[in-house]
Amino acid sequence: MTIRAATGAAQPSIPTGTSIATGTSDVGRAGSPEAQPGWGREPWPAAMHAVRPAAGAGGLPAHHVPAGRLLTAAASDLAAHDRQCGPLPWRGGPGRLLPEIHDSGLTGRGGAAFPTWRKLAASAEGTCLDGSHSGSAHRGSTHRGSQHRNAGHRADRYRSSAHPVVVANAAEGEPESAKDVTLLTVAPHLVLDGLQLAAEAVGADDAFVYLKPGPAVTAVRRALAQRRAAGWDRFTVQIREAPETFVAGEASAVIAALEGGAARPRAHWQPLAEAGFHGRPTLVQNAETLAHLALIARWGASWFRSVGTAEEPGTFLATVTGAVAAPGVVEVPFGTPLGTLAQLAGGFTEQVGAFRVGGYSGAWLPGGPGATIAMSRAALAPWGAAPGTGVVAVLPARGCGLVETARIVGYLAAQNAGQCGPCVSGLPQLADAVAGMARTDGGSGGPVQGAGDPGQSAIRALRLAALVAGRGACHHPDGAARLVHSALRTFVDDIRAHAEGRCLGSACAS
C-alpha cells in the first residue's frame, strides 16, 4: 500500500506495530547519559496515514494525519515506539539539550509561538545547578501563603524542593482544536519523551501532564504504566485533569489548578520560570511542542529545519473543520497554503465564503484569496492573523460570518475568568454589539433601525474591541477583540446587507 505525502509525493506507509499489554514490555532500559541523537535509526518519511483515535474534540471523525513526524498508528505502544524512535537520548545533565533546541528554531505550539529554547533556559536559570534558588525565585511563593498553608502535606513536600517543575499542557481549551487530544491518544510516548527530556534540560524533579478528561487520559495512563514496567523514565510523571473551560490552559491557570485551586488566570509578578508551581521555577509547555522536542533530540536541528520556512521551520498539527469532507487533524510544514490544508481534510464540500484561522481567538480571512495564503506567522500577519493553535475553520458561502462571529464572541464572553473589568464588563458588551451586527429582523426585507441597527452596532463593536484589547489581566479579551476586528474587515458587505434587512448567505438567525 502507498500513501500520499503532504507534498504530493508517494511514500510507503509506516507499518503498524503489535500492541503489548499495559504494564508489560520487551523494551529494555532507556539508554545512557552518553546517548547521541538518532541512536542509529533513520528518520522516517513524511508520509500521510489515516488513523482513528478513540475520540476527538467535538466528535470529529477519522483524523487524516501524516505519520512522518508526530502521529503514527503504532506509537501508542511502547515497544512499537521504541522500534520507531529508539530509546530516550539523555544528555547527561541540565542545559545540554538547549543548544540543539536553539538551533532548531522550535517555537511553542500552544498559540503564542514563543521560542522554546528561551522557556527552557529561563526555567533552568530560575534554579542553580546545585539545586539552590537563584535570584528571587523563592520569594515568588510568599504572595500565596494562605493558600499554601491549607494545601497540606503534599504541598509542603512540593514547596520544600528547590528544583524546577515541568508541565505538559494539553488542556486544549480551544473548542475547535483536537490536536493535543489526538497526539496524546495516538502517540503518548512522544509527548512523554519530550517531558522527560525537558525535565532533564531544566533540572526538574517534578513533572505533570495536564489534560482534559477523555480518551487521552486513558492513553497516557497506559503509556505511563508501560514506561514504569520498562524502566524507561527517570522522572515520575503525575496526571492532573483540567476542567473543560476556555481559559483552563492559560499558563497561570494551569499553575492554579495544579496547586488545587480554580483553573483561572491569576496575576503573577514574576515569570512562571522563576516562581510558578508553589513558588518554584516552572516550565509550562504545550504537548505538541514537547513531541517536537523529543524528535529534535533524536534527529537534530538540521533534520527539523529540513521542512517549513527558514523563519518558521518544522511541521505543526492543524485541526481543519467546517466545509471540508473529512474534518480532522493534519500535520503539514509551516508555509502550507490554507487550500492545501483543506485538500488534506478531504477537500471543500461547497463554495467557500471565508476562512477563520487560530480558533475562537483567531481571525477571519476572505474566502477567495484565503486559499492561497500560507499558514505561517509571516504570511498571516498582514491580515491581522496568526496560526495560533492551528485551527482552520472553513465557512461555506451560504453561511453568515456575522452570525458565526456573534456566536463565538458570545461564547468567549460567557467563558471569561470573572477577574477583571475587560472580561466582566467589556466582553458581554462586545458580544451584545456583535449580536446587533448579525441582526436582519428575520429577513423582512426592510432596513433594520433603532439601537440594534447593524451599522451602528458595527461602530460600537469597533470601539469596544479597541477598549478591551490589551487591558485584561490575561489575553482572553485580546482574542475576542482580534476576531471582531477581523470580522469588521472581512464582512463589510455583510454588515451593509444586514442593515438593509437581508443576508448574503442563507443561514442567518432571526
Foldseek 3Di string as FASTA:
>chain_A
DWFAALVGDIDRADDADDADFFQDDPAAEQDDLQFAAANVPDQAAFGKDWDAFPAFFPGAGTATATPRAFFDQHQLHPRVVCVNGNGQNHNNAAAPLLVQLVLLQQFFLQFPRHRPSVLLVLLLQQADRVFHGPDCLQVQLVVCVVLLVPLPDVSVVVNVGQAEEEEAFAQCLQRLDGVSLNRLRRRVVLLVSLQQNSCRHSVHQEYEYEYADDNSVVSNVSVLSHCVSNNRGDHDYYYDHFDNFNQLRPQLLVLQVVSPHHSAHDDGPDDCSNQGNSSYRYHYGYSVSSSVSSNCRRHTSVVQQPFADPNFTHKHWAFEEAQADRTHIYIDHFFAFQQSVRVSRHHGNAAFQWKFAQGLLFFIGGRPCRRGFTQACVRCVVLLGHNGNRYIYTYHQQDAPLQVLLVSLVSLLVRHRPDDCCNVPLSVLLSLLSVLLLALPALPQAFDDDPSQNVVSLVVNLVSLVVSCPPDSDRSSNSSSSHSVNCVVHCVVQSVQSRRRHGSHNDRDD
